[in-house]
Amino acid sequence: MTKIKAKHVQTITVIDPDTQLEVNVVIAKLDNGGMMGIDESFLSNTDEPVYTPFERGKQIDVSEL
């Protein structure tokens, strides 16, 4: 399966609306043209695949994030 490449743009801190706690979000530029944010702690604590919200079933290569 070919994965969509993702490049790190910036990491920002936002407030989670449910917990009211700070969360670091990685902003990534995808090779398909889109940009998206991913919870940094999710990336560091899981081996689960990450999928783009722009193309159903397309996995993102998060190795550079």
PDB file of N, CA and C in Angstrom:
ATOM      1  N   MET A   1       0.850  -1.188   0.000  1.00  0.00           N
ATOM      2  CA  MET A   1       0.000   0.000   0.000  1.00  0.00           C
ATOM      3  C   MET A   1       0.893   1.248   0.000  1.00  0.00           C
ATOM      4  N   THR A   2       0.618   2.164  -0.884  1.00  0.00           N
ATOM      5  CA  THR A   2       1.355   3.425  -0.931  1.00  0.00           C
ATOM      6  C   THR A   2       0.759   4.395   0.075  1.00  0.00           C
ATOM      7  N   LYS A   3       1.633   4.965   0.885  1.00  0.00           N
ATOM      8  CA  LYS A   3       1.194   5.936   1.884  1.00  0.00           C
ATOM      9  C   LYS A   3       1.439   7.347   1.367  1.00  0.00           C
ATOM     10  N   ILE A   4       0.623   8.279   1.824  1.00  0.00           N
ATOM     11  CA  ILE A   4       0.800   9.694   1.488  1.00  0.00           C
ATOM     12  C   ILE A   4       1.886  10.262   2.395  1.00  0.00           C
ATOM     13  N   LYS A   5       2.884  10.891   1.812  1.00  0.00           N
ATOM     14  CA  LYS A   5       3.961  11.509   2.584  1.00  0.00           C
ATOM     15  C   LYS A   5       3.427  12.727   3.325  1.00  0.00           C
ATOM     16  N   ALA A   6       3.959  12.940   4.531  1.00  0.00           N
ATOM     17  CA  ALA A   6       3.583  14.095   5.341  1.00  0.00           C
ATOM     18  C   ALA A   6       4.848  14.788   5.826  1.00  0.00           C
ATOM     19  N   LYS A   7       4.851  16.117   5.743  1.00  0.00           N
ATOM     20  CA  LYS A   7       5.984  16.924   6.208  1.00  0.00           C
ATOM     21  C   LYS A   7       5.545  17.752   7.406  1.00  0.00           C
ATOM     22  N   HIS A   8       6.423  17.811   8.408  1.00  0.00           N
ATOM     23  CA  HIS A   8       6.147  18.613   9.600  1.00  0.00           C
ATOM     24  C   HIS A   8       6.188  20.093   9.232  1.00  0.00           C
ATOM     25  N   VAL A   9       5.163  20.832   9.596  1.00  0.00           N
ATOM     26  CA  VAL A   9       5.105  22.273   9.363  1.00  0.00           C
ATOM     27  C   VAL A   9       5.398  23.008  10.669  1.00  0.00           C
ATOM     28  N   GLN A  10       4.641  22.664  11.706  1.00  0.00           N
ATOM     29  CA  GLN A  10       4.764  23.341  12.986  1.00  0.00           C
ATOM     30  C   GLN A  10       4.005  22.537  14.039  1.00  0.00           C
ATOM     31  N   THR A  11       4.420  22.675  15.280  1.00  0.00           N
ATOM     32  CA  THR A  11       3.667  22.104  16.394  1.00  0.00           C
ATOM     33  C   THR A  11       3.079  23.266  17.183  1.00  0.00           C
ATOM     34  N   ILE A  12       1.769  23.210  17.395  1.00  0.00           N
ATOM     35  CA  ILE A  12       1.094  24.276  18.127  1.00  0.00           C
ATOM     36  C   ILE A  12       0.422  23.692  19.369  1.00  0.00           C
ATOM     37  N   THR A  13       0.154  24.524  20.337  1.00  0.00           N
ATOM     38  CA  THR A  13      -0.544  24.107  21.551  1.00  0.00           C
ATOM     39  C   THR A  13      -1.947  24.699  21.512  1.00  0.00           C
ATOM     40  N   VAL A  14      -2.920  23.821  21.724  1.00  0.00           N
ATOM     41  CA  VAL A  14      -4.323  24.238  21.751  1.00  0.00           C
ATOM     42  C   VAL A  14      -4.954  23.728  23.044  1.00  0.00           C
ATOM     43  N   ILE A  15      -6.130  24.224  23.366  1.00  0.00           N
ATOM     44  CA  ILE A  15      -6.872  23.763  24.538  1.00  0.00           C
ATOM     45  C   ILE A  15      -7.925  22.751  24.080  1.00  0.00           C
ATOM     46  N   ASP A  16      -7.871  21.565  24.663  1.00  0.00           N
ATOM     47  CA  ASP A  16      -8.868  20.531  24.377  1.00  0.00           C
ATOM     48  C   ASP A  16     -10.205  21.014  24.930  1.00  0.00           C
ATOM     49  N   PRO A  17     -11.241  21.084  24.094  1.00  0.00           N
ATOM     50  CA  PRO A  17     -12.518  21.613  24.572  1.00  0.00           C
ATOM     51  C   PRO A  17     -13.209  20.711  25.592  1.00  0.00           C
ATOM     52  N   ASP A  18     -12.851  19.425  25.636  1.00  0.00           N
ATOM     53  CA  ASP A  18     -13.474  18.508  26.589  1.00  0.00           C
ATOM     54  C   ASP A  18     -12.790  18.555  27.952  1.00  0.00           C
ATOM     55  N   THR A  19     -11.450  18.505  27.950  1.00  0.00           N
ATOM     56  CA  THR A  19     -10.707  18.433  29.210  1.00  0.00           C
ATOM     57  C   THR A  19     -10.218  19.781  29.705  1.00  0.00           C
ATOM     58  N   GLN A  20     -10.212  20.778  28.834  1.00  0.00           N
ATOM     59  CA  GLN A  20      -9.669  22.108  29.123  1.00  0.00           C
ATOM     60  C   GLN A  20      -8.161  22.067  29.398  1.00  0.00           C
ATOM     61  N   LEU A  21      -7.489  21.008  28.942  1.00  0.00           N
ATOM     62  CA  LEU A  21      -6.048  20.873  29.099  1.00  0.00           C
ATOM     63  C   LEU A  21      -5.344  21.221  27.794  1.00  0.00           C
ATOM     64  N   GLU A  22      -4.068  21.613  27.920  1.00  0.00           N
ATOM     65  CA  GLU A  22      -3.280  21.919  26.729  1.00  0.00           C
ATOM     66  C   GLU A  22      -2.906  20.627  25.998  1.00  0.00           C
ATOM     67  N   VAL A  23      -2.965  20.692  24.677  1.00  0.00           N
ATOM     68  CA  VAL A  23      -2.615  19.571  23.819  1.00  0.00           C
ATOM     69  C   VAL A  23      -1.711  20.096  22.714  1.00  0.00           C
ATOM     70  N   ASN A  24      -0.603  19.393  22.448  1.00  0.00           N
ATOM     71  CA  ASN A  24       0.264  19.752  21.328  1.00  0.00           C
ATOM     72  C   ASN A  24      -0.255  19.070  20.072  1.00  0.00           C
ATOM     73  N   VAL A  25      -0.417  19.862  19.029  1.00  0.00           N
ATOM     74  CA  VAL A  25      -0.928  19.364  17.753  1.00  0.00           C
ATOM     75  C   VAL A  25       0.125  19.603  16.687  1.00  0.00           C
ATOM     76  N   VAL A  26       0.476  18.529  15.972  1.00  0.00           N
ATOM     77  CA  VAL A  26       1.432  18.618  14.874  1.00  0.00           C
ATOM     78  C   VAL A  26       0.662  19.005  13.612  1.00  0.00           C
ATOM     79  N   ILE A  27       1.066  20.089  12.986  1.00  0.00           N
ATOM     80  CA  ILE A  27       0.488  20.492  11.710  1.00  0.00           C
ATOM     81  C   ILE A  27       1.345  19.873  10.621  1.00  0.00           C
ATOM     82  N   ALA A  28       0.711  19.131   9.727  1.00  0.00           N
ATOM     83  CA  ALA A  28       1.424  18.416   8.672  1.00  0.00           C
ATOM     84  C   ALA A  28       0.904  18.823   7.303  1.00  0.00           C
ATOM     85  N   LYS A  29       1.819  18.951   6.352  1.00  0.00           N
ATOM     86  CA  LYS A  29       1.475  19.201   4.950  1.00  0.00           C
ATOM     87  C   LYS A  29       1.548  17.868   4.236  1.00  0.00           C
ATOM     88  N   LEU A  30       0.466  17.462   3.615  1.00  0.00           N
ATOM     89  CA  LEU A  30       0.410  16.195   2.913  1.00  0.00           C
ATOM     90  C   LEU A  30       0.766  16.379   1.441  1.00  0.00           C
ATOM     91  N   ASP A  31       1.364  15.346   0.862  1.00  0.00           N
ATOM     92  CA  ASP A  31       1.740  15.417  -0.553  1.00  0.00           C
ATOM     93  C   ASP A  31       0.541  15.583  -1.480  1.00  0.00           C
ATOM     94  N   ASN A  32      -0.662  15.250  -0.994  1.00  0.00           N
ATOM     95  CA  ASN A  32      -1.849  15.418  -1.840  1.00  0.00           C
ATOM     96  C   ASN A  32      -2.393  16.848  -1.790  1.00  0.00           C
ATOM     97  N   GLY A  33      -1.660  17.743  -1.070  1.00  0.00           N
ATOM     98  CA  GLY A  33      -2.023  19.155  -1.057  1.00  0.00           C
ATOM     99  C   GLY A  33      -2.691  19.649   0.205  1.00  0.00           C
ATOM    100  N   GLY A  34      -3.248  18.751   0.989  1.00  0.00           N
ATOM    101  CA  GLY A  34      -3.954  19.168   2.199  1.00  0.00           C
ATOM    102  C   GLY A  34      -3.015  19.373   3.376  1.00  0.00           C
ATOM    103  N   MET A  35      -3.515  20.069   4.375  1.00  0.00           N
ATOM    104  CA  MET A  35      -2.811  20.210   5.652  1.00  0.00           C
ATOM    105  C   MET A  35      -3.768  19.740   6.735  1.00  0.00           C
ATOM    106  N   MET A  36      -3.185  19.133   7.774  1.00  0.00           N
ATOM    107  CA  MET A  36      -4.019  18.631   8.855  1.00  0.00           C
ATOM    108  C   MET A  36      -3.254  18.658  10.165  1.00  0.00           C
ATOM    109  N   GLY A  37      -3.981  18.568  11.271  1.00  0.00           N
ATOM    110  CA  GLY A  37      -3.379  18.515  12.593  1.00  0.00           C
ATOM    111  C   GLY A  37      -3.605  17.156  13.226  1.00  0.00           C
ATOM    112  N   ILE A  38      -2.559  16.661  13.924  1.00  0.00           N
ATOM    113  CA  ILE A  38      -2.638  15.367  14.599  1.00  0.00           C
ATOM    114  C   ILE A  38      -2.111  15.547  16.018  1.00  0.00           C
ATOM    115  N   ASP A  39      -2.825  15.021  16.981  1.00  0.00           N
ATOM    116  CA  ASP A  39      -2.411  15.074  18.381  1.00  0.00           C
ATOM    117  C   ASP A  39      -1.028  14.426  18.517  1.00  0.00           C
ATOM    118  N   GLU A  40      -0.061  15.194  19.020  1.00  0.00           N
ATOM    119  CA  GLU A  40       1.313  14.722  19.131  1.00  0.00           C
ATOM    120  C   GLU A  40       1.431  13.507  20.052  1.00  0.00           C
ATOM    121  N   SER A  41       0.670  13.483  21.142  1.00  0.00           N
ATOM    122  CA  SER A  41       0.746  12.345  22.056  1.00  0.00           C
ATOM    123  C   SER A  41       0.187  11.079  21.414  1.00  0.00           C
ATOM    124  N   PHE A  42      -0.784  11.207  20.538  1.00  0.00           N
ATOM    125  CA  PHE A  42      -1.299  10.055  19.802  1.00  0.00           C
ATOM    126  C   PHE A  42      -0.196   9.462  18.935  1.00  0.00           C
ATOM    127  N   LEU A  43       0.529  10.337  18.229  1.00  0.00           N
ATOM    128  CA  LEU A  43       1.602   9.862  17.351  1.00  0.00           C
ATOM    129  C   LEU A  43       2.700   9.138  18.131  1.00  0.00           C
ATOM    130  N   SER A  44       3.004   9.625  19.317  1.00  0.00           N
ATOM    131  CA  SER A  44       4.105   9.039  20.084  1.00  0.00           C
ATOM    132  C   SER A  44       3.696   7.807  20.891  1.00  0.00           C
ATOM    133  N   ASN A  45       2.396   7.560  21.027  1.00  0.00           N
ATOM    134  CA  ASN A  45       1.936   6.453  21.876  1.00  0.00           C
ATOM    135  C   ASN A  45       1.176   5.356  21.141  1.00  0.00           C
ATOM    136  N   THR A  46       1.228   5.339  19.821  1.00  0.00           N
ATOM    137  CA  THR A  46       0.471   4.322  19.096  1.00  0.00           C
ATOM    138  C   THR A  46       1.246   3.827  17.883  1.00  0.00           C
ATOM    139  N   ASP A  47       0.935   2.609  17.511  1.00  0.00           N
ATOM    140  CA  ASP A  47       1.434   2.042  16.261  1.00  0.00           C
ATOM    141  C   ASP A  47       0.297   1.931  15.249  1.00  0.00           C
ATOM    142  N   GLU A  48      -0.855   2.464  15.623  1.00  0.00           N
ATOM    143  CA  GLU A  48      -2.019   2.418  14.739  1.00  0.00           C
ATOM    144  C   GLU A  48      -1.778   3.280  13.503  1.00  0.00           C
ATOM    145  N   PRO A  49      -2.316   2.891  12.361  1.00  0.00           N
ATOM    146  CA  PRO A  49      -2.171   3.730  11.169  1.00  0.00           C
ATOM    147  C   PRO A  49      -2.957   5.025  11.302  1.00  0.00           C
ATOM    148  N   VAL A  50      -2.486   6.056  10.606  1.00  0.00           N
ATOM    149  CA  VAL A  50      -3.161   7.351  10.565  1.00  0.00           C
ATOM    150  C   VAL A  50      -3.648   7.551   9.133  1.00  0.00           C
ATOM    151  N   TYR A  51      -4.898   7.931   8.991  1.00  0.00           N
ATOM    152  CA  TYR A  51      -5.500   8.088   7.665  1.00  0.00           C
ATOM    153  C   TYR A  51      -5.797   9.554   7.378  1.00  0.00           C
ATOM    154  N   THR A  52      -5.683   9.923   6.119  1.00  0.00           N
ATOM    155  CA  THR A  52      -6.010  11.283   5.712  1.00  0.00           C
ATOM    156  C   THR A  52      -7.525  11.494   5.729  1.00  0.00           C
ATOM    157  N   PRO A  53      -7.967  12.660   6.161  1.00  0.00           N
ATOM    158  CA  PRO A  53      -9.405  12.946   6.115  1.00  0.00           C
ATOM    159  C   PRO A  53      -9.870  13.343   4.711  1.00  0.00           C
ATOM    160  N   PHE A  54      -8.929  13.460   3.787  1.00  0.00           N
ATOM    161  CA  PHE A  54      -9.252  13.958   2.449  1.00  0.00           C
ATOM    162  C   PHE A  54      -9.508  12.855   1.429  1.00  0.00           C
ATOM    163  N   GLU A  55      -8.990  11.629   1.684  1.00  0.00           N
ATOM    164  CA  GLU A  55      -9.168  10.518   0.753  1.00  0.00           C
ATOM    165  C   GLU A  55      -9.475   9.262   1.558  1.00  0.00           C
ATOM    166  N   ARG A  56     -10.642   8.727   1.387  1.00  0.00           N
ATOM    167  CA  ARG A  56     -11.085   7.568   2.168  1.00  0.00           C
ATOM    168  C   ARG A  56     -10.106   6.390   2.031  1.00  0.00           C
ATOM    169  N   GLY A  57      -9.651   5.892   3.192  1.00  0.00           N
ATOM    170  CA  GLY A  57      -8.819   4.702   3.214  1.00  0.00           C
ATOM    171  C   GLY A  57      -7.354   4.915   2.901  1.00  0.00           C
ATOM    172  N   LYS A  58      -6.913   6.157   2.678  1.00  0.00           N
ATOM    173  CA  LYS A  58      -5.507   6.442   2.358  1.00  0.00           C
ATOM    174  C   LYS A  58      -4.728   6.689   3.640  1.00  0.00           C
ATOM    175  N   GLN A  59      -3.678   5.892   3.834  1.00  0.00           N
ATOM    176  CA  GLN A  59      -2.856   5.993   5.033  1.00  0.00           C
ATOM    177  C   GLN A  59      -1.761   7.041   4.843  1.00  0.00           C
ATOM    178  N   ILE A  60      -1.381   7.699   5.947  1.00  0.00           N
ATOM    179  CA  ILE A  60      -0.344   8.739   5.929  1.00  0.00           C
ATOM    180  C   ILE A  60       0.947   8.160   6.483  1.00  0.00           C
ATOM    181  N   ASP A  61       2.058   8.475   5.824  1.00  0.00           N
ATOM    182  CA  ASP A  61       3.385   8.134   6.328  1.00  0.00           C
ATOM    183  C   ASP A  61       3.765   9.212   7.338  1.00  0.00           C
ATOM    184  N   VAL A  62       3.687   8.856   8.622  1.00  0.00           N
ATOM    185  CA  VAL A  62       3.948   9.825   9.694  1.00  0.00           C
ATOM    186  C   VAL A  62       5.381   9.749  10.218  1.00  0.00           C
ATOM    187  N   SER A  63       6.253   9.036   9.521  1.00  0.00           N
ATOM    188  CA  SER A  63       7.622   8.823  10.006  1.00  0.00           C
ATOM    189  C   SER A  63       8.430  10.111  10.159  1.00  0.00           C
ATOM    190  N   GLU A  64       8.091  11.158   9.413  1.00  0.00           N
ATOM    191  CA  GLU A  64       8.830  12.428   9.497  1.00  0.00           C
ATOM    192  C   GLU A  64       8.165  13.440  10.421  1.00  0.00           C
ATOM    193  N   LEU A  65       7.098  13.040  11.090  1.00  0.00           N
ATOM    194  CA  LEU A  65       6.406  13.953  11.987  1.00  0.00           C
ATOM    195  C   LEU A  65       6.917  13.743  13.387  1.00  0.00           C
TER     196      LEU A  65
END
